[in-house]
């Protein structure tokens, strides 16, 4: 599963939860926890910052959403209708191409 698809899956759930989850830092922290627990996320890199972790990959993804008018703001992340559709498509790709890994990530996200 490529990094953009993994980020989309986590970002979708993070936006649903709202608050601090729906930020670049929030998504980065969740992805780091998933990587630590399952060691199964490739192509997403983290750096330690006060209070957690940060991923330039997540920041770049959200930046592209803003640039292409798929998002209205970045903190908290608010998507446009087109952005919501893009994430739905990416989640569908995750479910279809790697259902086992998608299920693992989805199960983890229900626990946070």
Foldseek 3Di string as FASTA:
>chain_A
DAPLLVLLLQCVLQVVVDDPCQAQQNSQQLVVVLCVVPVPYPDWDWDDDVPGIGTVVSVVSLVVCVVVQQFDDHVNTHGDPVVVVVSVVSLVCCCPVPVVVSVVSVVSSVVD
